[in-house]
């Protein structure tokens, strides 16, 4: 099976278990789930899907020499994402943690076609209940992991930075079961790109408000019986069709605001509370034979992180008005 990926290029997959999992209903469904949350027509940011990201994480782990079990874990790690990805954390969960899909992973996993495929090839389904034990796939911030890296490289490439993503990729290695950089300068470049994506994309005030606006659309649609929670495991396009063809004045008003754009006025209280997840990295580097953190080798980066954290801990309120 050949895969053409926008980050890793053309890759050959020969393992039958991976091929069957890629073609499973659970993984194919992710082609209908946007990584960015707010649907493309209401969101001007570069677009890719949870499927693209899941395949990418598997390919990155493969490139780094991970075991077949860890590659499987990488492929399936996002299979519990409902439509609109982390946007549902504004509907059901906590947007500061964004753990709704993780909390529901085992239930979604067990009710899918994935366990039968795994058993067919001699794997225990329960080995994939706790994905955190696969240290190359998942490890807490501020360390690097395949999930965090692919999401970043995919966003860089989608924004026209394919040459940069290739350059960064060439300097990732595995050392003592951790993903690290073999170059201080490249680690610094990656960290700055990550910070820029957080400030201007993932954690941007406008993006945060867009999430809340579309979450309000979904809440209203559920309250009015236009959609139901189970619909969130269908295609996003079918949900958007129901929303756009509803007779709900509130839903159509919010969708129109998202489509035409809005102005943000910051206020002392009231309106939207801007609360975005604080994402940061302090990558480790194999430097002069030792492992060090970027902040230890470049102390000014630690100062940047402190400022960065204070910005996202600050509570801000804003009112939204049509342009």
C-alpha atoms as a PDB file:
ATOM      1  CA  UNK A   1       0.000   0.000   0.000  1.00  0.00           C
ATOM      2  CA  UNK A   2       1.458   3.339  -1.052  1.00  0.00           C
ATOM      3  CA  UNK A   3       0.642   6.513   0.853  1.00  0.00           C
ATOM      4  CA  UNK A   4       1.400   9.996  -0.425  1.00  0.00           C
ATOM      5  CA  UNK A   5       1.642  12.337   2.509  1.00  0.00           C
ATOM      6  CA  UNK A   6       2.139  16.107   2.353  1.00  0.00           C
ATOM      7  CA  UNK A   7       4.726  16.042   5.135  1.00  0.00           C
ATOM      8  CA  UNK A   8       6.562  12.718   4.717  1.00  0.00           C
ATOM      9  CA  UNK A   9       6.174  12.147   0.977  1.00  0.00           C
ATOM     10  CA  UNK A  10       5.516   8.733  -0.574  1.00  0.00           C
ATOM     11  CA  UNK A  11       5.670   5.801   1.848  1.00  0.00           C
ATOM     12  CA  UNK A  12       5.158   2.072   1.379  1.00  0.00           C
ATOM     13  CA  UNK A  13       3.092   0.141   3.946  1.00  0.00           C
ATOM     14  CA  UNK A  14       3.409  -3.644   3.781  1.00  0.00           C
ATOM     15  CA  UNK A  15       2.088  -4.797   7.166  1.00  0.00           C
ATOM     16  CA  UNK A  16      -1.367  -6.327   6.721  1.00  0.00           C
ATOM     17  CA  UNK A  17      -2.581  -5.145  10.132  1.00  0.00           C
ATOM     18  CA  UNK A  18      -1.759  -1.517   9.303  1.00  0.00           C
ATOM     19  CA  UNK A  19      -3.351  -1.748   5.865  1.00  0.00           C
ATOM     20  CA  UNK A  20      -6.566  -3.211   7.300  1.00  0.00           C
ATOM     21  CA  UNK A  21      -6.672  -0.647  10.099  1.00  0.00           C
ATOM     22  CA  UNK A  22      -6.169   2.220   7.648  1.00  0.00           C
ATOM     23  CA  UNK A  23      -9.121   0.887   5.629  1.00  0.00           C
ATOM     24  CA  UNK A  24     -11.300   0.325   8.709  1.00  0.00           C
ATOM     25  CA  UNK A  25     -14.513   2.286   9.183  1.00  0.00           C
ATOM     26  CA  UNK A  26     -13.119   3.867  12.354  1.00  0.00           C
ATOM     27  CA  UNK A  27     -10.062   5.357  10.627  1.00  0.00           C
ATOM     28  CA  UNK A  28     -11.776   6.188   7.316  1.00  0.00           C
ATOM     29  CA  UNK A  29     -14.374   8.199   9.285  1.00  0.00           C
ATOM     30  CA  UNK A  30     -11.603  10.597  10.280  1.00  0.00           C
ATOM     31  CA  UNK A  31     -11.465  11.830   6.670  1.00  0.00           C
ATOM     32  CA  UNK A  32     -14.695  13.647   7.539  1.00  0.00           C
ATOM     33  CA  UNK A  33     -13.323  15.306  10.694  1.00  0.00           C
ATOM     34  CA  UNK A  34     -11.461  18.592  10.338  1.00  0.00           C
ATOM     35  CA  UNK A  35      -8.330  19.032  12.452  1.00  0.00           C
ATOM     36  CA  UNK A  36      -8.997  22.756  12.917  1.00  0.00           C
ATOM     37  CA  UNK A  37     -12.425  22.377  14.523  1.00  0.00           C
ATOM     38  CA  UNK A  38     -14.501  25.096  12.889  1.00  0.00           C
ATOM     39  CA  UNK A  39     -15.632  23.915   9.407  1.00  0.00           C
ATOM     40  CA  UNK A  40     -13.609  25.088   6.433  1.00  0.00           C
ATOM     41  CA  UNK A  41     -16.244  27.393   4.979  1.00  0.00           C
ATOM     42  CA  UNK A  42     -16.343  29.372   8.231  1.00  0.00           C
ATOM     43  CA  UNK A  43     -12.618  29.172   8.939  1.00  0.00           C
ATOM     44  CA  UNK A  44      -9.964  30.749   6.670  1.00  0.00           C
ATOM     45  CA  UNK A  45      -7.080  28.669   8.042  1.00  0.00           C
ATOM     46  CA  UNK A  46      -5.280  25.935   6.047  1.00  0.00           C
ATOM     47  CA  UNK A  47      -7.235  22.699   6.120  1.00  0.00           C
ATOM     48  CA  UNK A  48      -6.365  19.087   6.891  1.00  0.00           C
ATOM     49  CA  UNK A  49      -8.214  16.254   8.593  1.00  0.00           C
ATOM     50  CA  UNK A  50      -7.822  13.982  11.599  1.00  0.00           C
ATOM     51  CA  UNK A  51      -7.183  11.217   9.053  1.00  0.00           C
ATOM     52  CA  UNK A  52      -4.230  13.139   7.569  1.00  0.00           C
ATOM     53  CA  UNK A  53      -2.841  13.682  11.065  1.00  0.00           C
ATOM     54  CA  UNK A  54      -3.387  10.063  12.188  1.00  0.00           C
ATOM     55  CA  UNK A  55      -1.643   8.683   9.109  1.00  0.00           C
ATOM     56  CA  UNK A  56       1.113  11.243   9.658  1.00  0.00           C
ATOM     57  CA  UNK A  57       1.716  10.240  13.265  1.00  0.00           C
ATOM     58  CA  UNK A  58       2.001   6.597  12.188  1.00  0.00           C
ATOM     59  CA  UNK A  59       4.455   7.523   9.411  1.00  0.00           C
ATOM     60  CA  UNK A  60       6.565   9.653  11.743  1.00  0.00           C
ATOM     61  CA  UNK A  61       6.756   6.834  14.294  1.00  0.00           C
ATOM     62  CA  UNK A  62       7.697   4.473  11.480  1.00  0.00           C
ATOM     63  CA  UNK A  63      10.440   6.838  10.349  1.00  0.00           C
ATOM     64  CA  UNK A  64      11.793   6.982  13.913  1.00  0.00           C
ATOM     65  CA  UNK A  65      11.953   3.197  14.199  1.00  0.00           C
ATOM     66  CA  UNK A  66       8.986   2.671  16.528  1.00  0.00           C
ATOM     67  CA  UNK A  67       7.593  -0.831  17.075  1.00  0.00           C
ATOM     68  CA  UNK A  68       4.589  -2.027  15.082  1.00  0.00           C
ATOM     69  CA  UNK A  69       2.484  -1.723  18.262  1.00  0.00           C
ATOM     70  CA  UNK A  70       3.441   1.909  18.686  1.00  0.00           C
ATOM     71  CA  UNK A  71       2.707   2.570  14.996  1.00  0.00           C
ATOM     72  CA  UNK A  72      -0.755   1.049  15.504  1.00  0.00           C
ATOM     73  CA  UNK A  73      -1.243   3.238  18.587  1.00  0.00           C
ATOM     74  CA  UNK A  74      -0.261   6.279  16.527  1.00  0.00           C
ATOM     75  CA  UNK A  75      -2.691   5.385  13.767  1.00  0.00           C
ATOM     76  CA  UNK A  76      -5.676   4.933  16.091  1.00  0.00           C
ATOM     77  CA  UNK A  77      -4.883   7.568  18.739  1.00  0.00           C
ATOM     78  CA  UNK A  78      -7.455  10.084  17.428  1.00  0.00           C
ATOM     79  CA  UNK A  79     -10.213   7.664  16.422  1.00  0.00           C
ATOM     80  CA  UNK A  80     -12.484   8.894  19.236  1.00  0.00           C
ATOM     81  CA  UNK A  81     -12.583  12.461  17.922  1.00  0.00           C
ATOM     82  CA  UNK A  82     -16.150  13.494  17.107  1.00  0.00           C
ATOM     83  CA  UNK A  83     -17.002  15.908  14.318  1.00  0.00           C
ATOM     84  CA  UNK A  84     -15.260  19.294  14.645  1.00  0.00           C
ATOM     85  CA  UNK A  85     -12.467  17.780  16.791  1.00  0.00           C
ATOM     86  CA  UNK A  86     -11.578  19.783  19.908  1.00  0.00           C
ATOM     87  CA  UNK A  87     -14.388  22.250  19.298  1.00  0.00           C
ATOM     88  CA  UNK A  88     -16.621  19.811  21.194  1.00  0.00           C
ATOM     89  CA  UNK A  89     -14.604  20.609  24.339  1.00  0.00           C
ATOM     90  CA  UNK A  90     -16.479  23.932  24.280  1.00  0.00           C
ATOM     91  CA  UNK A  91     -19.746  21.956  24.143  1.00  0.00           C
ATOM     92  CA  UNK A  92     -19.163  19.065  26.584  1.00  0.00           C
ATOM     93  CA  UNK A  93     -15.728  19.378  28.170  1.00  0.00           C
ATOM     94  CA  UNK A  94     -13.150  21.841  29.425  1.00  0.00           C
ATOM     95  CA  UNK A  95     -11.514  23.978  26.712  1.00  0.00           C
ATOM     96  CA  UNK A  96      -8.485  24.598  28.928  1.00  0.00           C
ATOM     97  CA  UNK A  97      -7.755  20.852  29.031  1.00  0.00           C
ATOM     98  CA  UNK A  98      -9.320  19.639  25.759  1.00  0.00           C
ATOM     99  CA  UNK A  99      -9.587  16.052  26.961  1.00  0.00           C
ATOM    100  CA  UNK A 100     -13.115  15.106  25.829  1.00  0.00           C
ATOM    101  CA  UNK A 101     -11.961  12.692  23.140  1.00  0.00           C
ATOM    102  CA  UNK A 102      -9.364  11.107  25.443  1.00  0.00           C
ATOM    103  CA  UNK A 103     -11.994  10.507  28.131  1.00  0.00           C
ATOM    104  CA  UNK A 104     -14.156   8.641  25.606  1.00  0.00           C
ATOM    105  CA  UNK A 105     -11.405   6.777  23.782  1.00  0.00           C
ATOM    106  CA  UNK A 106     -11.910   3.295  25.260  1.00  0.00           C
ATOM    107  CA  UNK A 107     -15.680   3.355  24.723  1.00  0.00           C
ATOM    108  CA  UNK A 108     -15.366   4.468  21.092  1.00  0.00           C
ATOM    109  CA  UNK A 109     -12.505   2.015  20.521  1.00  0.00           C
ATOM    110  CA  UNK A 110     -14.472  -0.966  21.909  1.00  0.00           C
ATOM    111  CA  UNK A 111     -17.546  -0.122  19.834  1.00  0.00           C
ATOM    112  CA  UNK A 112     -15.557   0.116  16.592  1.00  0.00           C
ATOM    113  CA  UNK A 113     -14.243  -2.429  14.093  1.00  0.00           C
ATOM    114  CA  UNK A 114     -10.668  -1.920  15.329  1.00  0.00           C
ATOM    115  CA  UNK A 115     -10.542  -4.552  18.152  1.00  0.00           C
ATOM    116  CA  UNK A 116     -11.594  -7.367  15.793  1.00  0.00           C
ATOM    117  CA  UNK A 117      -8.882  -6.366  13.318  1.00  0.00           C
ATOM    118  CA  UNK A 118      -6.263  -6.307  16.073  1.00  0.00           C
ATOM    119  CA  UNK A 119      -7.321  -9.736  17.384  1.00  0.00           C
ATOM    120  CA  UNK A 120      -7.190 -11.129  13.837  1.00  0.00           C
ATOM    121  CA  UNK A 121      -3.471 -10.313  13.749  1.00  0.00           C
ATOM    122  CA  UNK A 122      -2.673 -11.537  17.267  1.00  0.00           C
ATOM    123  CA  UNK A 123      -2.804  -8.250  19.195  1.00  0.00           C
ATOM    124  CA  UNK A 124      -4.651  -7.703  22.489  1.00  0.00           C
ATOM    125  CA  UNK A 125      -7.125  -4.844  22.206  1.00  0.00           C
ATOM    126  CA  UNK A 126      -6.532  -3.908  25.858  1.00  0.00           C
ATOM    127  CA  UNK A 127      -2.905  -3.092  25.026  1.00  0.00           C
ATOM    128  CA  UNK A 128      -4.200   0.062  23.359  1.00  0.00           C
ATOM    129  CA  UNK A 129      -6.478   1.348  26.119  1.00  0.00           C
ATOM    130  CA  UNK A 130      -3.745   3.545  27.626  1.00  0.00           C
ATOM    131  CA  UNK A 131      -1.907   5.241  24.789  1.00  0.00           C
ATOM    132  CA  UNK A 132       0.230   7.249  27.211  1.00  0.00           C
ATOM    133  CA  UNK A 133       2.443   4.200  27.734  1.00  0.00           C
ATOM    134  CA  UNK A 134       3.744   4.583  24.171  1.00  0.00           C
ATOM    135  CA  UNK A 135       6.354   7.214  24.960  1.00  0.00           C
ATOM    136  CA  UNK A 136       7.250   8.152  21.379  1.00  0.00           C
ATOM    137  CA  UNK A 137       3.574   8.720  20.577  1.00  0.00           C
ATOM    138  CA  UNK A 138       2.529  10.582  23.716  1.00  0.00           C
ATOM    139  CA  UNK A 139       4.488  12.288  26.453  1.00  0.00           C
ATOM    140  CA  UNK A 140       3.522  15.303  28.560  1.00  0.00           C
ATOM    141  CA  UNK A 141       4.591  18.817  27.607  1.00  0.00           C
ATOM    142  CA  UNK A 142       7.122  20.287  27.335  1.00  0.00           C
ATOM    143  CA  UNK A 143       8.742  17.214  25.747  1.00  0.00           C
ATOM    144  CA  UNK A 144       8.444  16.240  22.111  1.00  0.00           C
ATOM    145  CA  UNK A 145       6.176  13.421  20.972  1.00  0.00           C
ATOM    146  CA  UNK A 146       5.005  12.187  17.575  1.00  0.00           C
ATOM    147  CA  UNK A 147       1.479  13.551  18.080  1.00  0.00           C
ATOM    148  CA  UNK A 148       2.743  17.050  18.922  1.00  0.00           C
ATOM    149  CA  UNK A 149       5.405  17.038  16.205  1.00  0.00           C
ATOM    150  CA  UNK A 150       3.169  15.902  13.348  1.00  0.00           C
ATOM    151  CA  UNK A 151       0.488  18.430  14.192  1.00  0.00           C
ATOM    152  CA  UNK A 152       3.112  21.192  14.087  1.00  0.00           C
ATOM    153  CA  UNK A 153       4.915  20.053  10.936  1.00  0.00           C
ATOM    154  CA  UNK A 154       1.581  19.528   9.160  1.00  0.00           C
ATOM    155  CA  UNK A 155       0.485  23.061   9.997  1.00  0.00           C
ATOM    156  CA  UNK A 156       3.852  24.475   8.894  1.00  0.00           C
ATOM    157  CA  UNK A 157       3.656  22.588   5.582  1.00  0.00           C
ATOM    158  CA  UNK A 158       0.026  23.594   5.025  1.00  0.00           C
ATOM    159  CA  UNK A 159       1.046  27.239   5.381  1.00  0.00           C
ATOM    160  CA  UNK A 160       3.657  26.977   2.648  1.00  0.00           C
ATOM    161  CA  UNK A 161       6.576  25.850   4.793  1.00  0.00           C
ATOM    162  CA  UNK A 162       7.222  22.416   3.269  1.00  0.00           C
ATOM    163  CA  UNK A 163      10.960  23.111   2.898  1.00  0.00           C
ATOM    164  CA  UNK A 164      11.128  24.082   6.579  1.00  0.00           C
ATOM    165  CA  UNK A 165       9.140  21.038   7.721  1.00  0.00           C
ATOM    166  CA  UNK A 166      11.496  18.785   5.733  1.00  0.00           C
ATOM    167  CA  UNK A 167      14.516  20.499   7.290  1.00  0.00           C
ATOM    168  CA  UNK A 168      13.147  20.078  10.829  1.00  0.00           C
ATOM    169  CA  UNK A 169      12.262  16.436  10.174  1.00  0.00           C
ATOM    170  CA  UNK A 170      15.844  15.612   9.205  1.00  0.00           C
ATOM    171  CA  UNK A 171      17.078  16.566  12.683  1.00  0.00           C
ATOM    172  CA  UNK A 172      14.717  14.460  14.805  1.00  0.00           C
ATOM    173  CA  UNK A 173      16.200  11.356  16.434  1.00  0.00           C
ATOM    174  CA  UNK A 174      15.319   8.898  19.188  1.00  0.00           C
ATOM    175  CA  UNK A 175      17.598   8.821  22.235  1.00  0.00           C
ATOM    176  CA  UNK A 176      16.800   6.761  25.347  1.00  0.00           C
ATOM    177  CA  UNK A 177      13.179   6.270  24.250  1.00  0.00           C
ATOM    178  CA  UNK A 178      12.599  10.006  23.746  1.00  0.00           C
ATOM    179  CA  UNK A 179      12.320  12.073  20.569  1.00  0.00           C
ATOM    180  CA  UNK A 180      15.004  14.748  20.634  1.00  0.00           C
ATOM    181  CA  UNK A 181      16.782  17.050  18.215  1.00  0.00           C
ATOM    182  CA  UNK A 182      20.366  16.513  17.111  1.00  0.00           C
ATOM    183  CA  UNK A 183      20.799  20.241  16.441  1.00  0.00           C
ATOM    184  CA  UNK A 184      20.401  23.166  18.822  1.00  0.00           C
ATOM    185  CA  UNK A 185      19.625  25.638  16.043  1.00  0.00           C
ATOM    186  CA  UNK A 186      16.925  23.422  14.517  1.00  0.00           C
ATOM    187  CA  UNK A 187      15.370  22.808  17.936  1.00  0.00           C
ATOM    188  CA  UNK A 188      15.216  26.587  18.406  1.00  0.00           C
ATOM    189  CA  UNK A 189      13.612  27.057  14.974  1.00  0.00           C
ATOM    190  CA  UNK A 190      10.989  24.407  15.743  1.00  0.00           C
ATOM    191  CA  UNK A 191      10.231  25.918  19.157  1.00  0.00           C
ATOM    192  CA  UNK A 192       9.747  29.373  17.644  1.00  0.00           C
ATOM    193  CA  UNK A 193       7.467  27.975  14.937  1.00  0.00           C
ATOM    194  CA  UNK A 194       5.459  26.140  17.586  1.00  0.00           C
ATOM    195  CA  UNK A 195       5.112  29.321  19.641  1.00  0.00           C
ATOM    196  CA  UNK A 196       4.030  31.307  16.578  1.00  0.00           C
ATOM    197  CA  UNK A 197       1.350  28.728  15.721  1.00  0.00           C
ATOM    198  CA  UNK A 198       0.037  28.882  19.285  1.00  0.00           C
ATOM    199  CA  UNK A 199      -0.117  32.682  19.330  1.00  0.00           C
ATOM    200  CA  UNK A 200      -1.480  33.215  15.827  1.00  0.00           C
ATOM    201  CA  UNK A 201      -3.506  30.066  15.254  1.00  0.00           C
ATOM    202  CA  UNK A 202      -4.275  27.504  17.977  1.00  0.00           C
ATOM    203  CA  UNK A 203      -4.493  29.975  20.875  1.00  0.00           C
ATOM    204  CA  UNK A 204      -5.319  33.167  19.000  1.00  0.00           C
ATOM    205  CA  UNK A 205      -8.131  35.235  20.563  1.00  0.00           C
ATOM    206  CA  UNK A 206     -10.094  35.306  17.302  1.00  0.00           C
ATOM    207  CA  UNK A 207      -9.763  31.541  16.910  1.00  0.00           C
ATOM    208  CA  UNK A 208     -10.907  31.040  20.498  1.00  0.00           C
ATOM    209  CA  UNK A 209     -14.003  33.168  19.897  1.00  0.00           C
ATOM    210  CA  UNK A 210     -14.726  31.345  16.631  1.00  0.00           C
ATOM    211  CA  UNK A 211     -14.705  28.089  18.601  1.00  0.00           C
ATOM    212  CA  UNK A 212     -17.137  29.508  21.149  1.00  0.00           C
ATOM    213  CA  UNK A 213     -19.441  30.871  18.462  1.00  0.00           C
ATOM    214  CA  UNK A 214     -19.626  27.547  16.635  1.00  0.00           C
ATOM    215  CA  UNK A 215     -19.979  25.695  19.949  1.00  0.00           C
ATOM    216  CA  UNK A 216     -22.998  27.911  20.654  1.00  0.00           C
ATOM    217  CA  UNK A 217     -24.373  26.876  17.262  1.00  0.00           C
ATOM    218  CA  UNK A 218     -24.044  23.200  18.215  1.00  0.00           C
ATOM    219  CA  UNK A 219     -25.532  23.736  21.683  1.00  0.00           C
ATOM    220  CA  UNK A 220     -28.518  25.568  20.225  1.00  0.00           C
ATOM    221  CA  UNK A 221     -28.984  22.887  17.574  1.00  0.00           C
ATOM    222  CA  UNK A 222     -29.004  20.162  20.238  1.00  0.00           C
ATOM    223  CA  UNK A 223     -31.382  22.081  22.486  1.00  0.00           C
ATOM    224  CA  UNK A 224     -33.753  22.580  19.564  1.00  0.00           C
ATOM    225  CA  UNK A 225     -33.505  18.945  18.425  1.00  0.00           C
ATOM    226  CA  UNK A 226     -31.945  19.841  15.069  1.00  0.00           C
ATOM    227  CA  UNK A 227     -29.002  17.542  15.750  1.00  0.00           C
ATOM    228  CA  UNK A 228     -28.267  14.962  18.422  1.00  0.00           C
ATOM    229  CA  UNK A 229     -25.054  13.935  20.177  1.00  0.00           C
ATOM    230  CA  UNK A 230     -24.821  10.753  18.103  1.00  0.00           C
ATOM    231  CA  UNK A 231     -24.755  12.885  14.936  1.00  0.00           C
ATOM    232  CA  UNK A 232     -21.278  14.024  15.940  1.00  0.00           C
ATOM    233  CA  UNK A 233     -19.948  10.674  14.776  1.00  0.00           C
ATOM    234  CA  UNK A 234     -21.346  11.230  11.297  1.00  0.00           C
ATOM    235  CA  UNK A 235     -19.831  13.480   8.627  1.00  0.00           C
ATOM    236  CA  UNK A 236     -19.302  17.152   9.383  1.00  0.00           C
ATOM    237  CA  UNK A 237     -20.848  18.105   6.041  1.00  0.00           C
ATOM    238  CA  UNK A 238     -24.151  16.418   6.938  1.00  0.00           C
ATOM    239  CA  UNK A 239     -24.244  18.288  10.258  1.00  0.00           C
ATOM    240  CA  UNK A 240     -23.448  21.626   8.590  1.00  0.00           C
ATOM    241  CA  UNK A 241     -26.237  20.944   6.066  1.00  0.00           C
ATOM    242  CA  UNK A 242     -28.728  20.453   8.914  1.00  0.00           C
ATOM    243  CA  UNK A 243     -27.540  23.631  10.620  1.00  0.00           C
ATOM    244  CA  UNK A 244     -27.681  25.779   7.503  1.00  0.00           C
ATOM    245  CA  UNK A 245     -31.126  24.478   6.551  1.00  0.00           C
ATOM    246  CA  UNK A 246     -32.640  24.825   9.993  1.00  0.00           C
ATOM    247  CA  UNK A 247     -35.303  27.384  10.779  1.00  0.00           C
ATOM    248  CA  UNK A 248     -33.450  28.535  13.880  1.00  0.00           C
ATOM    249  CA  UNK A 249     -32.966  32.283  13.838  1.00  0.00           C
ATOM    250  CA  UNK A 250     -30.206  32.025  16.459  1.00  0.00           C
ATOM    251  CA  UNK A 251     -28.225  29.397  14.512  1.00  0.00           C
ATOM    252  CA  UNK A 252     -28.464  31.251  11.213  1.00  0.00           C
ATOM    253  CA  UNK A 253     -27.451  34.502  12.897  1.00  0.00           C
ATOM    254  CA  UNK A 254     -24.330  32.925  14.411  1.00  0.00           C
ATOM    255  CA  UNK A 255     -23.385  31.181  11.157  1.00  0.00           C
ATOM    256  CA  UNK A 256     -23.758  34.457   9.273  1.00  0.00           C
ATOM    257  CA  UNK A 257     -21.496  36.173  11.808  1.00  0.00           C
ATOM    258  CA  UNK A 258     -18.849  33.467  11.347  1.00  0.00           C
ATOM    259  CA  UNK A 259     -19.077  33.567   7.570  1.00  0.00           C
ATOM    260  CA  UNK A 260     -18.916  37.356   7.160  1.00  0.00           C
ATOM    261  CA  UNK A 261     -16.406  37.958   9.934  1.00  0.00           C
ATOM    262  CA  UNK A 262     -16.555  39.941  13.153  1.00  0.00           C
ATOM    263  CA  UNK A 263     -14.859  42.688  15.118  1.00  0.00           C
ATOM    264  CA  UNK A 264     -13.540  42.081  18.634  1.00  0.00           C
ATOM    265  CA  UNK A 265     -13.903  44.748  21.334  1.00  0.00           C
ATOM    266  CA  UNK A 266     -12.136  43.951  24.609  1.00  0.00           C
ATOM    267  CA  UNK A 267     -14.132  44.740  27.762  1.00  0.00           C
ATOM    268  CA  UNK A 268     -13.609  44.457  31.518  1.00  0.00           C
ATOM    269  CA  UNK A 269     -16.418  41.943  32.033  1.00  0.00           C
ATOM    270  CA  UNK A 270     -19.137  40.174  30.104  1.00  0.00           C
ATOM    271  CA  UNK A 271     -19.264  38.907  26.558  1.00  0.00           C
ATOM    272  CA  UNK A 272     -16.899  36.077  25.704  1.00  0.00           C
ATOM    273  CA  UNK A 273     -14.321  34.859  28.179  1.00  0.00           C
ATOM    274  CA  UNK A 274     -11.186  34.119  26.195  1.00  0.00           C
ATOM    275  CA  UNK A 275      -9.754  30.893  27.524  1.00  0.00           C
ATOM    276  CA  UNK A 276      -7.442  28.849  25.352  1.00  0.00           C
ATOM    277  CA  UNK A 277      -5.332  25.833  26.175  1.00  0.00           C
ATOM    278  CA  UNK A 278      -1.749  26.750  27.016  1.00  0.00           C
ATOM    279  CA  UNK A 279       0.499  24.755  24.696  1.00  0.00           C
ATOM    280  CA  UNK A 280       4.264  24.944  24.986  1.00  0.00           C
ATOM    281  CA  UNK A 281       7.370  22.893  24.343  1.00  0.00           C
ATOM    282  CA  UNK A 282      10.900  22.901  25.687  1.00  0.00           C
ATOM    283  CA  UNK A 283      12.490  20.333  23.376  1.00  0.00           C
ATOM    284  CA  UNK A 284      15.436  18.205  24.416  1.00  0.00           C
ATOM    285  CA  UNK A 285      18.599  18.227  22.354  1.00  0.00           C
ATOM    286  CA  UNK A 286      21.522  15.830  22.082  1.00  0.00           C
ATOM    287  CA  UNK A 287      24.252  18.438  22.425  1.00  0.00           C
ATOM    288  CA  UNK A 288      27.942  17.643  22.907  1.00  0.00           C
ATOM    289  CA  UNK A 289      27.063  14.116  23.944  1.00  0.00           C
ATOM    290  CA  UNK A 290      24.555  15.126  26.631  1.00  0.00           C
ATOM    291  CA  UNK A 291      20.790  15.672  26.683  1.00  0.00           C
ATOM    292  CA  UNK A 292      19.768  19.226  27.545  1.00  0.00           C
ATOM    293  CA  UNK A 293      16.599  21.260  27.310  1.00  0.00           C
ATOM    294  CA  UNK A 294      16.436  24.173  24.890  1.00  0.00           C
ATOM    295  CA  UNK A 295      15.835  26.545  27.818  1.00  0.00           C
ATOM    296  CA  UNK A 296      19.056  25.356  29.457  1.00  0.00           C
ATOM    297  CA  UNK A 297      21.113  26.020  26.337  1.00  0.00           C
ATOM    298  CA  UNK A 298      19.337  29.256  25.405  1.00  0.00           C
ATOM    299  CA  UNK A 299      18.234  30.897  28.704  1.00  0.00           C
ATOM    300  CA  UNK A 300      16.309  33.616  26.861  1.00  0.00           C
ATOM    301  CA  UNK A 301      13.905  30.912  25.667  1.00  0.00           C
ATOM    302  CA  UNK A 302      12.927  30.254  29.302  1.00  0.00           C
ATOM    303  CA  UNK A 303      12.129  33.963  29.657  1.00  0.00           C
ATOM    304  CA  UNK A 304       9.975  33.726  26.531  1.00  0.00           C
ATOM    305  CA  UNK A 305       8.105  30.742  28.000  1.00  0.00           C
ATOM    306  CA  UNK A 306       7.420  32.630  31.239  1.00  0.00           C
ATOM    307  CA  UNK A 307       5.951  35.574  29.300  1.00  0.00           C
ATOM    308  CA  UNK A 308       4.086  33.173  27.090  1.00  0.00           C
ATOM    309  CA  UNK A 309       2.523  31.401  30.080  1.00  0.00           C
ATOM    310  CA  UNK A 310       1.474  34.671  31.750  1.00  0.00           C
ATOM    311  CA  UNK A 311      -0.269  35.720  28.531  1.00  0.00           C
ATOM    312  CA  UNK A 312      -2.409  32.573  28.443  1.00  0.00           C
ATOM    313  CA  UNK A 313      -3.150  32.696  32.162  1.00  0.00           C
ATOM    314  CA  UNK A 314      -4.493  36.230  31.818  1.00  0.00           C
ATOM    315  CA  UNK A 315      -8.295  36.379  31.793  1.00  0.00           C
ATOM    316  CA  UNK A 316      -9.647  38.476  28.930  1.00  0.00           C
ATOM    317  CA  UNK A 317     -13.201  39.336  27.981  1.00  0.00           C
ATOM    318  CA  UNK A 318     -14.481  40.512  24.623  1.00  0.00           C
ATOM    319  CA  UNK A 319     -17.639  41.499  22.822  1.00  0.00           C
ATOM    320  CA  UNK A 320     -18.159  40.475  19.212  1.00  0.00           C
ATOM    321  CA  UNK A 321     -19.774  42.672  16.577  1.00  0.00           C
ATOM    322  CA  UNK A 322     -20.461  42.166  12.862  1.00  0.00           C
ATOM    323  CA  UNK A 323     -18.001  43.860  10.529  1.00  0.00           C
END
